[in-house]
Amino acid sequence: MSKQILFVSGHTHMRDSLANKTILNDMKAMYPQATFDYLTESYPDFAFDVAKEQAKLEAADVIVIEYPMFWFNAPSIVQRWFEEVFLYGFAYGTGGDKLQGKTMIVSLTSGAPEEVYTADAAGTPGIESYLLPMKATAAYTGMKWGGFIYSGGMMSIGVDEATKQALTDKAKDHAKRLQALIASILG
């Protein structure tokens, strides 16, 4: 039995994205049997079909949360998805064992340069500190933390064609690193 992968995209402006769109398109080519859940397209009003979202999660063995970092956090639709879908009796609490044993991976980008998310002596926390809520969510719901793939400096607004090509190449490299991480989990 092959393991099922669910990609949950939380980009609020996917049509304008270069990096996240490239990453997810490459994932579709690499994993044609995977399920791709574009939250903003399906739920522009944030009115989630909870039963449908929970069914996708239950069917998956590996759950990849893919998003751009906005103001040092996941986009609001991702947070709202967790709030509305990871309910008591489903994800935690009495009978809330539906996610146990699944693996969560985070794939994220930032428009800001990578050094913005690098720990330094001045007290700036590193990228891993911004992922603590994701890691804690995985642990609280009984999921395994599969790790993360991060690429910074991915802003493509107002750049020339040569820079767009360089950013596309960087996004494709991100996709390859994500594939390697997924492969290491799938065995």
N, C-alpha and C. Protein backbone atom coordinates (compact mmCIF):
# COMPACT_ATOMS: atom_id res chain seq x y z
N MET A 1 0.84 -1.18 0.00
CA MET A 1 0.00 0.00 0.00
C MET A 1 0.89 1.25 0.00
N SER A 2 0.66 2.12 -0.97
CA SER A 2 1.48 3.34 -1.02
C SER A 2 0.92 4.38 -0.06
N LYS A 3 1.82 5.18 0.44
CA LYS A 3 1.42 6.22 1.40
C LYS A 3 0.83 7.41 0.65
N GLN A 4 -0.17 8.00 1.27
CA GLN A 4 -0.86 9.14 0.68
C GLN A 4 -0.28 10.45 1.20
N ILE A 5 -0.11 11.42 0.28
CA ILE A 5 0.43 12.72 0.64
C ILE A 5 -0.64 13.78 0.40
N LEU A 6 -0.79 14.67 1.36
CA LEU A 6 -1.69 15.81 1.24
C LEU A 6 -0.85 17.08 1.31
N PHE A 7 -0.95 17.91 0.29
CA PHE A 7 -0.31 19.22 0.27
C PHE A 7 -1.39 20.26 0.56
N VAL A 8 -1.20 21.05 1.61
CA VAL A 8 -2.15 22.09 1.98
C VAL A 8 -1.46 23.43 1.70
N SER A 9 -2.00 24.16 0.73
CA SER A 9 -1.41 25.45 0.34
C SER A 9 -2.16 26.58 1.02
N GLY A 10 -1.40 27.45 1.68
CA GLY A 10 -2.00 28.59 2.36
C GLY A 10 -1.61 29.93 1.77
N HIS A 11 -1.20 29.95 0.51
CA HIS A 11 -0.81 31.22 -0.11
C HIS A 11 -2.06 32.02 -0.43
N THR A 12 -2.13 33.24 0.06
CA THR A 12 -3.33 34.06 -0.15
C THR A 12 -3.38 34.75 -1.51
N HIS A 13 -2.27 34.75 -2.23
CA HIS A 13 -2.23 35.38 -3.56
C HIS A 13 -1.50 34.46 -4.53
N MET A 14 -1.97 33.23 -4.65
CA MET A 14 -1.27 32.23 -5.45
C MET A 14 -1.10 32.67 -6.91
N ARG A 15 -2.08 33.35 -7.46
CA ARG A 15 -1.97 33.73 -8.88
C ARG A 15 -0.77 34.65 -9.11
N ASP A 16 -0.36 35.39 -8.10
CA ASP A 16 0.77 36.31 -8.22
C ASP A 16 2.08 35.70 -7.73
N SER A 17 2.03 34.49 -7.25
CA SER A 17 3.21 33.84 -6.68
C SER A 17 4.10 33.27 -7.77
N LEU A 18 5.37 33.41 -7.60
CA LEU A 18 6.32 32.72 -8.45
C LEU A 18 6.85 31.50 -7.70
N ALA A 19 7.36 31.71 -6.51
CA ALA A 19 8.01 30.63 -5.75
C ALA A 19 7.05 29.52 -5.36
N ASN A 20 5.98 29.86 -4.64
CA ASN A 20 5.07 28.84 -4.13
C ASN A 20 4.35 28.13 -5.27
N LYS A 21 4.00 28.86 -6.31
CA LYS A 21 3.35 28.23 -7.47
C LYS A 21 4.31 27.24 -8.13
N THR A 22 5.57 27.63 -8.28
CA THR A 22 6.57 26.74 -8.88
C THR A 22 6.77 25.50 -8.01
N ILE A 23 6.90 25.71 -6.71
CA ILE A 23 7.10 24.57 -5.79
C ILE A 23 5.94 23.58 -5.90
N LEU A 24 4.72 24.08 -5.84
CA LEU A 24 3.56 23.19 -5.87
C LEU A 24 3.38 22.54 -7.24
N ASN A 25 3.67 23.26 -8.31
CA ASN A 25 3.60 22.65 -9.65
C ASN A 25 4.63 21.53 -9.78
N ASP A 26 5.82 21.73 -9.25
CA ASP A 26 6.83 20.67 -9.27
C ASP A 26 6.39 19.49 -8.42
N MET A 27 5.75 19.76 -7.29
CA MET A 27 5.26 18.67 -6.44
C MET A 27 4.18 17.87 -7.17
N LYS A 28 3.32 18.56 -7.91
CA LYS A 28 2.29 17.86 -8.70
C LYS A 28 2.92 16.92 -9.72
N ALA A 29 4.00 17.38 -10.35
CA ALA A 29 4.69 16.53 -11.33
C ALA A 29 5.37 15.35 -10.65
N MET A 30 5.92 15.57 -9.47
CA MET A 30 6.62 14.50 -8.74
C MET A 30 5.66 13.53 -8.06
N TYR A 31 4.51 14.03 -7.61
CA TYR A 31 3.55 13.23 -6.86
C TYR A 31 2.15 13.38 -7.47
N PRO A 32 1.93 12.82 -8.67
CA PRO A 32 0.64 13.01 -9.34
C PRO A 32 -0.55 12.39 -8.58
N GLN A 33 -0.29 11.42 -7.71
CA GLN A 33 -1.38 10.80 -6.95
C GLN A 33 -1.70 11.55 -5.66
N ALA A 34 -0.89 12.54 -5.32
CA ALA A 34 -1.11 13.30 -4.08
C ALA A 34 -2.37 14.16 -4.20
N THR A 35 -2.88 14.57 -3.03
CA THR A 35 -4.01 15.48 -2.98
C THR A 35 -3.45 16.89 -2.73
N PHE A 36 -3.95 17.85 -3.49
CA PHE A 36 -3.53 19.25 -3.35
C PHE A 36 -4.73 20.07 -2.91
N ASP A 37 -4.60 20.71 -1.77
CA ASP A 37 -5.67 21.46 -1.14
C ASP A 37 -5.28 22.94 -1.11
N TYR A 38 -5.83 23.72 -2.04
CA TYR A 38 -5.53 25.15 -2.13
C TYR A 38 -6.59 25.90 -1.31
N LEU A 39 -6.24 26.24 -0.09
CA LEU A 39 -7.22 26.81 0.84
C LEU A 39 -7.86 28.09 0.32
N THR A 40 -7.07 29.00 -0.23
CA THR A 40 -7.62 30.28 -0.66
C THR A 40 -8.57 30.12 -1.84
N GLU A 41 -8.27 29.19 -2.73
CA GLU A 41 -9.16 28.95 -3.87
C GLU A 41 -10.47 28.31 -3.41
N SER A 42 -10.37 27.35 -2.50
CA SER A 42 -11.56 26.63 -2.05
C SER A 42 -12.38 27.41 -1.04
N TYR A 43 -11.71 28.23 -0.24
CA TYR A 43 -12.39 28.91 0.86
C TYR A 43 -11.99 30.39 0.94
N PRO A 44 -12.28 31.18 -0.09
CA PRO A 44 -11.88 32.60 -0.05
C PRO A 44 -12.55 33.36 1.09
N ASP A 45 -13.67 32.84 1.57
CA ASP A 45 -14.39 33.47 2.67
C ASP A 45 -14.07 32.83 4.02
N PHE A 46 -13.08 31.88 4.03
CA PHE A 46 -12.65 31.18 5.25
C PHE A 46 -13.75 30.28 5.82
N ALA A 47 -14.80 30.01 5.05
CA ALA A 47 -15.88 29.13 5.52
C ALA A 47 -15.54 27.70 5.10
N PHE A 48 -14.76 27.02 5.92
CA PHE A 48 -14.25 25.70 5.59
C PHE A 48 -15.35 24.63 5.63
N ASP A 49 -15.26 23.69 4.72
CA ASP A 49 -16.07 22.48 4.78
C ASP A 49 -15.29 21.54 5.70
N VAL A 50 -15.60 21.59 6.98
CA VAL A 50 -14.82 20.89 7.99
C VAL A 50 -14.77 19.39 7.73
N ALA A 51 -15.91 18.79 7.42
CA ALA A 51 -15.94 17.34 7.18
C ALA A 51 -15.06 16.97 5.99
N LYS A 52 -15.09 17.77 4.94
CA LYS A 52 -14.27 17.51 3.74
C LYS A 52 -12.78 17.64 4.08
N GLU A 53 -12.42 18.67 4.83
CA GLU A 53 -11.02 18.88 5.21
C GLU A 53 -10.54 17.76 6.14
N GLN A 54 -11.38 17.37 7.06
CA GLN A 54 -11.00 16.29 7.97
C GLN A 54 -10.84 14.97 7.22
N ALA A 55 -11.69 14.73 6.22
CA ALA A 55 -11.57 13.50 5.42
C ALA A 55 -10.24 13.48 4.66
N LYS A 56 -9.82 14.62 4.14
CA LYS A 56 -8.52 14.70 3.45
C LYS A 56 -7.39 14.37 4.41
N LEU A 57 -7.47 14.92 5.61
CA LEU A 57 -6.44 14.66 6.61
C LEU A 57 -6.42 13.19 7.02
N GLU A 58 -7.59 12.61 7.21
CA GLU A 58 -7.65 11.20 7.60
C GLU A 58 -7.07 10.29 6.54
N ALA A 59 -7.25 10.63 5.27
CA ALA A 59 -6.77 9.79 4.16
C ALA A 59 -5.25 9.90 3.97
N ALA A 60 -4.64 10.94 4.52
CA ALA A 60 -3.22 11.20 4.29
C ALA A 60 -2.34 10.52 5.33
N ASP A 61 -1.16 10.15 4.88
CA ASP A 61 -0.12 9.64 5.78
C ASP A 61 0.90 10.75 6.06
N VAL A 62 1.15 11.57 5.05
CA VAL A 62 2.08 12.69 5.15
C VAL A 62 1.31 13.96 4.79
N ILE A 63 1.39 14.96 5.65
CA ILE A 63 0.69 16.23 5.45
C ILE A 63 1.75 17.32 5.32
N VAL A 64 1.78 17.96 4.16
CA VAL A 64 2.73 19.04 3.89
C VAL A 64 1.98 20.36 3.91
N ILE A 65 2.31 21.21 4.86
CA ILE A 65 1.72 22.55 4.94
C ILE A 65 2.67 23.48 4.20
N GLU A 66 2.20 24.08 3.11
CA GLU A 66 3.06 24.88 2.22
C GLU A 66 2.54 26.31 2.20
N TYR A 67 3.42 27.28 2.54
CA TYR A 67 2.97 28.67 2.59
C TYR A 67 4.14 29.63 2.55
N PRO A 68 3.85 30.90 2.22
CA PRO A 68 4.85 31.96 2.37
C PRO A 68 4.74 32.55 3.77
N MET A 69 5.87 32.91 4.34
CA MET A 69 5.88 33.55 5.66
C MET A 69 5.40 34.99 5.49
N PHE A 70 4.38 35.35 6.24
CA PHE A 70 3.86 36.72 6.25
C PHE A 70 4.03 37.27 7.66
N TRP A 71 4.78 38.33 7.80
CA TRP A 71 4.97 38.97 9.09
C TRP A 71 5.32 37.96 10.19
N PHE A 72 6.31 37.12 9.87
CA PHE A 72 6.87 36.17 10.83
C PHE A 72 5.89 35.09 11.26
N ASN A 73 4.94 34.78 10.39
CA ASN A 73 3.92 33.80 10.73
C ASN A 73 3.34 33.18 9.46
N ALA A 74 2.57 32.12 9.64
CA ALA A 74 1.81 31.55 8.53
C ALA A 74 0.68 32.51 8.17
N PRO A 75 0.23 32.52 6.93
CA PRO A 75 -0.91 33.37 6.56
C PRO A 75 -2.14 33.04 7.42
N SER A 76 -3.00 34.01 7.58
CA SER A 76 -4.16 33.86 8.47
C SER A 76 -5.06 32.70 8.06
N ILE A 77 -5.16 32.39 6.78
CA ILE A 77 -6.02 31.28 6.37
C ILE A 77 -5.50 29.94 6.89
N VAL A 78 -4.19 29.82 7.02
CA VAL A 78 -3.61 28.58 7.56
C VAL A 78 -3.97 28.45 9.03
N GLN A 79 -3.79 29.53 9.77
CA GLN A 79 -4.14 29.51 11.20
C GLN A 79 -5.62 29.21 11.38
N ARG A 80 -6.46 29.86 10.59
CA ARG A 80 -7.90 29.64 10.70
C ARG A 80 -8.26 28.20 10.37
N TRP A 81 -7.57 27.61 9.37
CA TRP A 81 -7.79 26.21 8.99
C TRP A 81 -7.52 25.31 10.19
N PHE A 82 -6.40 25.54 10.87
CA PHE A 82 -6.12 24.76 12.08
C PHE A 82 -7.23 24.94 13.11
N GLU A 83 -7.65 26.16 13.34
CA GLU A 83 -8.68 26.45 14.35
C GLU A 83 -10.01 25.77 14.03
N GLU A 84 -10.38 25.76 12.76
CA GLU A 84 -11.69 25.25 12.36
C GLU A 84 -11.71 23.74 12.11
N VAL A 85 -10.58 23.16 11.71
CA VAL A 85 -10.55 21.77 11.28
C VAL A 85 -9.97 20.83 12.34
N PHE A 86 -8.99 21.27 13.09
CA PHE A 86 -8.34 20.43 14.10
C PHE A 86 -9.16 20.50 15.40
N LEU A 87 -10.33 19.91 15.37
CA LEU A 87 -11.29 20.04 16.46
C LEU A 87 -11.12 18.98 17.54
N TYR A 88 -11.67 19.30 18.71
CA TYR A 88 -11.76 18.35 19.81
C TYR A 88 -12.58 17.16 19.31
N GLY A 89 -12.13 15.97 19.64
CA GLY A 89 -12.81 14.77 19.19
C GLY A 89 -12.35 14.30 17.82
N PHE A 90 -11.60 15.15 17.12
CA PHE A 90 -11.00 14.76 15.84
C PHE A 90 -9.48 14.74 15.97
N ALA A 91 -8.91 15.89 16.33
CA ALA A 91 -7.46 16.03 16.38
C ALA A 91 -6.89 15.86 17.78
N TYR A 92 -7.71 16.01 18.79
CA TYR A 92 -7.25 15.90 20.19
C TYR A 92 -8.45 15.66 21.08
N GLY A 93 -8.17 15.39 22.34
CA GLY A 93 -9.25 15.16 23.30
C GLY A 93 -9.85 13.77 23.16
N THR A 94 -10.96 13.55 23.84
CA THR A 94 -11.64 12.27 23.81
C THR A 94 -12.01 11.90 22.37
N GLY A 95 -11.50 10.78 21.90
CA GLY A 95 -11.75 10.34 20.52
C GLY A 95 -10.96 11.09 19.48
N GLY A 96 -10.14 12.03 19.89
CA GLY A 96 -9.40 12.87 18.95
C GLY A 96 -8.08 12.27 18.52
N ASP A 97 -8.15 11.12 17.91
CA ASP A 97 -6.94 10.40 17.53
C ASP A 97 -6.76 10.25 16.02
N LYS A 98 -7.48 11.04 15.25
CA LYS A 98 -7.50 10.85 13.79
C LYS A 98 -6.20 11.24 13.10
N LEU A 99 -5.36 12.00 13.76
CA LEU A 99 -4.11 12.44 13.14
C LEU A 99 -2.89 11.69 13.68
N GLN A 100 -3.12 10.88 14.69
CA GLN A 100 -2.00 10.19 15.33
C GLN A 100 -1.25 9.29 14.34
N GLY A 101 0.07 9.40 14.39
CA GLY A 101 0.94 8.59 13.55
C GLY A 101 1.20 9.17 12.17
N LYS A 102 0.45 10.19 11.78
CA LYS A 102 0.71 10.85 10.49
C LYS A 102 1.95 11.73 10.65
N THR A 103 2.53 12.15 9.56
CA THR A 103 3.72 13.00 9.61
C THR A 103 3.39 14.37 9.04
N MET A 104 3.77 15.42 9.77
CA MET A 104 3.60 16.80 9.28
C MET A 104 4.96 17.35 8.85
N ILE A 105 4.95 17.95 7.67
CA ILE A 105 6.11 18.66 7.13
C ILE A 105 5.66 20.08 6.84
N VAL A 106 6.53 21.05 7.05
CA VAL A 106 6.24 22.43 6.67
C VAL A 106 7.21 22.82 5.55
N SER A 107 6.64 23.39 4.50
CA SER A 107 7.41 23.93 3.37
C SER A 107 7.07 25.41 3.31
N LEU A 108 8.07 26.27 3.55
CA LEU A 108 7.76 27.69 3.58
C LEU A 108 8.81 28.53 2.88
N THR A 109 8.35 29.67 2.43
CA THR A 109 9.21 30.64 1.76
C THR A 109 9.02 31.99 2.44
N SER A 110 9.94 32.88 2.16
CA SER A 110 9.75 34.28 2.58
C SER A 110 10.27 35.18 1.48
N GLY A 111 9.61 36.31 1.34
CA GLY A 111 10.10 37.31 0.41
C GLY A 111 11.34 37.99 0.97
N ALA A 112 11.39 38.09 2.28
CA ALA A 112 12.53 38.70 2.96
C ALA A 112 13.78 37.84 2.77
N PRO A 113 14.93 38.46 2.76
CA PRO A 113 16.17 37.69 2.65
C PRO A 113 16.30 36.69 3.81
N GLU A 114 16.99 35.60 3.56
CA GLU A 114 17.13 34.54 4.57
C GLU A 114 17.75 35.06 5.86
N GLU A 115 18.61 36.06 5.77
CA GLU A 115 19.26 36.56 6.99
C GLU A 115 18.26 37.20 7.97
N VAL A 116 17.09 37.62 7.48
CA VAL A 116 16.06 38.16 8.37
C VAL A 116 15.61 37.07 9.34
N TYR A 117 15.68 35.82 8.92
CA TYR A 117 15.24 34.69 9.73
C TYR A 117 16.41 33.86 10.25
N THR A 118 17.55 34.49 10.39
CA THR A 118 18.74 33.82 10.92
C THR A 118 19.01 34.34 12.32
N ALA A 119 19.19 33.44 13.25
CA ALA A 119 19.48 33.84 14.63
C ALA A 119 20.79 34.63 14.67
N ASP A 120 20.79 35.68 15.48
CA ASP A 120 22.03 36.46 15.63
C ASP A 120 22.19 36.94 17.07
N ALA A 121 23.33 37.51 17.33
CA ALA A 121 23.66 37.97 18.68
C ALA A 121 22.76 39.09 19.16
N ALA A 122 22.11 39.81 18.24
CA ALA A 122 21.23 40.92 18.62
C ALA A 122 19.87 40.44 19.12
N GLY A 123 19.66 39.13 19.08
CA GLY A 123 18.40 38.59 19.59
C GLY A 123 17.39 38.20 18.54
N THR A 124 17.72 38.35 17.27
CA THR A 124 16.81 37.91 16.22
C THR A 124 16.73 36.39 16.27
N PRO A 125 15.52 35.85 16.40
CA PRO A 125 15.40 34.39 16.44
C PRO A 125 15.59 33.77 15.06
N GLY A 126 15.98 32.52 15.04
CA GLY A 126 16.14 31.81 13.78
C GLY A 126 14.82 31.27 13.26
N ILE A 127 14.80 30.84 12.02
CA ILE A 127 13.58 30.36 11.36
C ILE A 127 12.90 29.26 12.17
N GLU A 128 13.65 28.41 12.82
CA GLU A 128 13.03 27.32 13.56
C GLU A 128 12.13 27.82 14.69
N SER A 129 12.46 28.97 15.26
CA SER A 129 11.63 29.50 16.34
C SER A 129 10.23 29.87 15.84
N TYR A 130 10.12 30.28 14.58
CA TYR A 130 8.83 30.64 14.01
C TYR A 130 7.99 29.41 13.71
N LEU A 131 8.62 28.25 13.70
CA LEU A 131 7.92 27.00 13.41
C LEU A 131 7.49 26.26 14.67
N LEU A 132 7.79 26.81 15.83
CA LEU A 132 7.42 26.13 17.09
C LEU A 132 5.92 25.85 17.20
N PRO A 133 5.03 26.77 16.79
CA PRO A 133 3.60 26.44 16.85
C PRO A 133 3.23 25.24 15.96
N MET A 134 3.86 25.13 14.79
CA MET A 134 3.59 23.99 13.90
C MET A 134 4.09 22.70 14.56
N LYS A 135 5.28 22.77 15.10
CA LYS A 135 5.88 21.60 15.76
C LYS A 135 5.03 21.19 16.96
N ALA A 136 4.56 22.15 17.73
CA ALA A 136 3.72 21.87 18.89
C ALA A 136 2.37 21.29 18.46
N THR A 137 1.81 21.79 17.38
CA THR A 137 0.55 21.26 16.85
C THR A 137 0.71 19.80 16.47
N ALA A 138 1.81 19.49 15.79
CA ALA A 138 2.07 18.09 15.42
C ALA A 138 2.13 17.23 16.67
N ALA A 139 2.90 17.66 17.66
CA ALA A 139 3.06 16.87 18.89
C ALA A 139 1.73 16.72 19.63
N TYR A 140 0.97 17.80 19.75
CA TYR A 140 -0.28 17.78 20.50
C TYR A 140 -1.32 16.86 19.88
N THR A 141 -1.27 16.73 18.56
CA THR A 141 -2.26 15.90 17.86
C THR A 141 -1.75 14.49 17.59
N GLY A 142 -0.55 14.17 18.08
CA GLY A 142 -0.01 12.83 17.90
C GLY A 142 0.66 12.59 16.57
N MET A 143 0.89 13.67 15.83
CA MET A 143 1.60 13.53 14.56
C MET A 143 3.10 13.54 14.80
N LYS A 144 3.83 12.97 13.88
CA LYS A 144 5.29 13.03 13.90
C LYS A 144 5.71 14.32 13.20
N TRP A 145 6.71 14.97 13.74
CA TRP A 145 7.28 16.16 13.11
C TRP A 145 8.28 15.68 12.06
N GLY A 146 7.98 15.96 10.80
CA GLY A 146 8.84 15.52 9.71
C GLY A 146 9.90 16.51 9.32
N GLY A 147 9.84 17.71 9.90
CA GLY A 147 10.83 18.74 9.58
C GLY A 147 10.27 19.78 8.64
N PHE A 148 11.17 20.59 8.10
CA PHE A 148 10.74 21.69 7.24
C PHE A 148 11.78 21.96 6.16
N ILE A 149 11.31 22.61 5.12
CA ILE A 149 12.17 23.13 4.05
C ILE A 149 11.86 24.61 3.95
N TYR A 150 12.90 25.43 3.97
CA TYR A 150 12.72 26.88 3.94
C TYR A 150 13.61 27.50 2.87
N SER A 151 13.04 28.47 2.16
CA SER A 151 13.81 29.29 1.21
C SER A 151 13.41 30.74 1.39
N GLY A 152 14.38 31.60 1.62
CA GLY A 152 14.13 33.02 1.78
C GLY A 152 14.59 33.79 0.56
N GLY A 153 14.28 35.09 0.58
CA GLY A 153 14.66 35.96 -0.54
C GLY A 153 13.91 35.64 -1.81
N MET A 154 12.64 35.25 -1.68
CA MET A 154 11.87 34.78 -2.84
C MET A 154 10.91 35.84 -3.40
N MET A 155 11.09 37.09 -3.06
CA MET A 155 10.22 38.16 -3.55
C MET A 155 10.42 38.36 -5.05
N SER A 156 9.33 38.25 -5.80
CA SER A 156 9.43 38.38 -7.26
C SER A 156 8.72 39.62 -7.80
N ILE A 157 8.14 40.41 -6.93
CA ILE A 157 7.42 41.60 -7.38
C ILE A 157 8.42 42.66 -7.84
N GLY A 158 8.23 43.14 -9.07
CA GLY A 158 9.04 44.22 -9.60
C GLY A 158 10.47 43.86 -9.97
N VAL A 159 10.75 42.58 -10.18
CA VAL A 159 12.11 42.18 -10.55
C VAL A 159 12.21 41.94 -12.05
N ASP A 160 13.43 42.00 -12.56
CA ASP A 160 13.64 41.79 -13.99
C ASP A 160 13.58 40.30 -14.34
N GLU A 161 13.60 39.99 -15.62
CA GLU A 161 13.46 38.60 -16.08
C GLU A 161 14.59 37.70 -15.60
N ALA A 162 15.81 38.23 -15.55
CA ALA A 162 16.93 37.42 -15.09
C ALA A 162 16.75 37.03 -13.63
N THR A 163 16.27 37.97 -12.82
CA THR A 163 16.02 37.69 -11.41
C THR A 163 14.87 36.71 -11.26
N LYS A 164 13.83 36.86 -12.08
CA LYS A 164 12.71 35.91 -12.05
C LYS A 164 13.20 34.50 -12.35
N GLN A 165 14.10 34.38 -13.32
CA GLN A 165 14.63 33.05 -13.65
C GLN A 165 15.44 32.49 -12.48
N ALA A 166 16.23 33.34 -11.86
CA ALA A 166 17.01 32.89 -10.70
C ALA A 166 16.09 32.46 -9.56
N LEU A 167 14.99 33.18 -9.35
CA LEU A 167 14.03 32.82 -8.30
C LEU A 167 13.30 31.52 -8.65
N THR A 168 12.99 31.34 -9.93
CA THR A 168 12.37 30.08 -10.38
C THR A 168 13.31 28.92 -10.12
N ASP A 169 14.58 29.09 -10.44
CA ASP A 169 15.58 28.04 -10.18
C ASP A 169 15.66 27.74 -8.69
N LYS A 170 15.62 28.78 -7.87
CA LYS A 170 15.69 28.59 -6.42
C LYS A 170 14.45 27.85 -5.91
N ALA A 171 13.28 28.17 -6.49
CA ALA A 171 12.04 27.47 -6.10
C ALA A 171 12.10 26.00 -6.53
N LYS A 172 12.66 25.74 -7.68
CA LYS A 172 12.81 24.35 -8.14
C LYS A 172 13.77 23.58 -7.24
N ASP A 173 14.81 24.25 -6.76
CA ASP A 173 15.72 23.62 -5.80
C ASP A 173 14.97 23.32 -4.49
N HIS A 174 14.14 24.25 -4.06
CA HIS A 174 13.32 24.04 -2.86
C HIS A 174 12.46 22.78 -3.06
N ALA A 175 11.83 22.67 -4.21
CA ALA A 175 10.98 21.50 -4.50
C ALA A 175 11.79 20.21 -4.45
N LYS A 176 13.00 20.24 -4.96
CA LYS A 176 13.85 19.04 -4.92
C LYS A 176 14.21 18.68 -3.47
N ARG A 177 14.50 19.68 -2.66
CA ARG A 177 14.80 19.41 -1.24
C ARG A 177 13.58 18.89 -0.51
N LEU A 178 12.40 19.41 -0.87
CA LEU A 178 11.16 18.93 -0.27
C LEU A 178 10.91 17.48 -0.69
N GLN A 179 11.14 17.18 -1.96
CA GLN A 179 10.98 15.80 -2.42
C GLN A 179 11.91 14.87 -1.67
N ALA A 180 13.14 15.29 -1.45
CA ALA A 180 14.10 14.45 -0.71
C ALA A 180 13.64 14.21 0.73
N LEU A 181 13.09 15.24 1.36
CA LEU A 181 12.58 15.10 2.72
C LEU A 181 11.40 14.12 2.74
N ILE A 182 10.48 14.29 1.82
CA ILE A 182 9.33 13.38 1.74
C ILE A 182 9.81 11.95 1.49
N ALA A 183 10.74 11.78 0.57
CA ALA A 183 11.27 10.44 0.26
C ALA A 183 11.89 9.81 1.49
N SER A 184 12.59 10.59 2.31
CA SER A 184 13.21 10.05 3.52
C SER A 184 12.16 9.57 4.52
N ILE A 185 10.99 10.17 4.50
CA ILE A 185 9.91 9.78 5.40
C ILE A 185 9.16 8.56 4.86
N LEU A 186 8.96 8.55 3.55
CA LEU A 186 8.23 7.45 2.94
C LEU A 186 9.05 6.15 2.93
N GLY A 187 10.36 6.31 2.99
CA GLY A 187 11.24 5.14 3.07
C GLY A 187 11.57 4.49 1.79
